[in-house]
Amino acid sequence: MDKDKQLVALKRGFDELVDLFVALGAETRQHLIMTLFNLPCKQQGGARVGEITAKTHLSRPFRII
């Protein structure tokens, strides 16, 4: 399975867990992960923090746990 197909499968699996994340109160993390799925991957040059911040409207860094 190539990288693009793996990413699509991972995104599909994540989409199935959206209700669980909402139930856990992780809406900000959910939005961030969905944003990262739509940004260029490392092999395509990646994304800068400023670009992620602009797309997620997060004004401060947060920890990924």
Foldseek 3Di string as FASTA:
>chain_A
DDPVVVLVVVVVVLVVCVVVCVVVVNVLVSQLVVVLSPFDDVVVPTDDPVVSCVSSVDPDDDDDD
